Amino acid sequence: MGATMAAELHWLNYHHLLYFWTIVREGSVSRAAERLRLSQPTVSAQIRKLERALEVTLFERHGRGLRLTDAGRVVYQYADDIFPVGREMIETLRGRTTEPRARLTIGIANAVPKLIVHRLLKPVLHGGNAPHLLCVEDNTDSLLTRVAAFEVDVVIADRPAPPHARVKVFNHALGDSSMSFFAAPAIAARLRRGFPRSLDGQPMLLPAPQTAVRQALDAWFDAQRLRPRIVAEFEDSALLKAFGRESGAVFAAPSAIAADVRRLYQVASLGLAPAVRESYYAISAQRRVTHPGVLAITRGARQGWLDHS
């Protein structure tokens, strides 16, 4: 039986599989060749040998770059289990880290507050053998396409990917926060009395209409029979807060970061809306999270730093 198993595995060259995995992780043949210290033609030739051995096409041309085929995604998922575990075994046996820092590419949806992102990434930045972080920001739909193509490892978003999404991805709930309202200190002091009725007719900065938190805020305004005067709408949550103090308008931000918002933007709190929740998700191309950096994010978020009032 041992001889039969050896014969079945003989055709799979793990060096070729490593080259393929590195191309996907690095994003291009040129960067993979540089990391592997091989020439680009050598790496390309080994990938062609792997494709012949597996009898599949792993990459297809997409503009000036490469994109994984469906078969390529399957092979990558298996490779992504094999090589991190192998590296961990070697490091454990040697009692030290011998490989360069791994890279973790994170897609961040525009609507997610940057202070929330910072808190989510803290366990990664301060953990042992912290990876090299590459953060990219875009709208959620574009990021979902990129995570499905393994161009990013995980997407942090304010809503889960819908069941009818064009790409196959998996949602991992991180937690949620109620929303608080803020304004310049003098305005906040005035509006604090009679909140939330005091918001009626007040100038307000709001997230863009397509965001999950904006829809939750609109529903809350309707339930409270409030009609704030919308001054501006923002896709970027950091830009919204930057306008907050100088505009003289009210804006909402997650209660979980209320202290940071007050300190960084020199504003004051004027009230809390417990019924309005902003949720946060990690979205990956894999049902089972295996990347150590992504595991650190999910575990850290579930340790209770988010506001659940």
Foldseek 3Di string as FASTA:
>chain_A
DVVVVCVVCVLQDVVLLVLLLLCLQQVALVSSCVLVVHDSVVNVVSVVSNCVSVVHDQWDDDPPGIFGDPVNLVSNVVSVVPPVVVLVVVCVVVVHHDDQAGEAEEEEEQQDAPVVVVLLQVLQVPDPSRHHYHYHYDHPLVVVVCQLRSVHFKYKAQDDDDPPRPGAKDKDWLWKFFKFKKAAAVLLVVQLPPPPQSQAQFEAEEEDPVGPLRVLVVVVCVVVVGDYHYPYYHSHPVVSLLVGYVVRGMYMDGPLCQVVSCVPSVIDTRGTDLSRMGTIIMMHNDNDDDPPSVVSSRVSSPPPSHHND
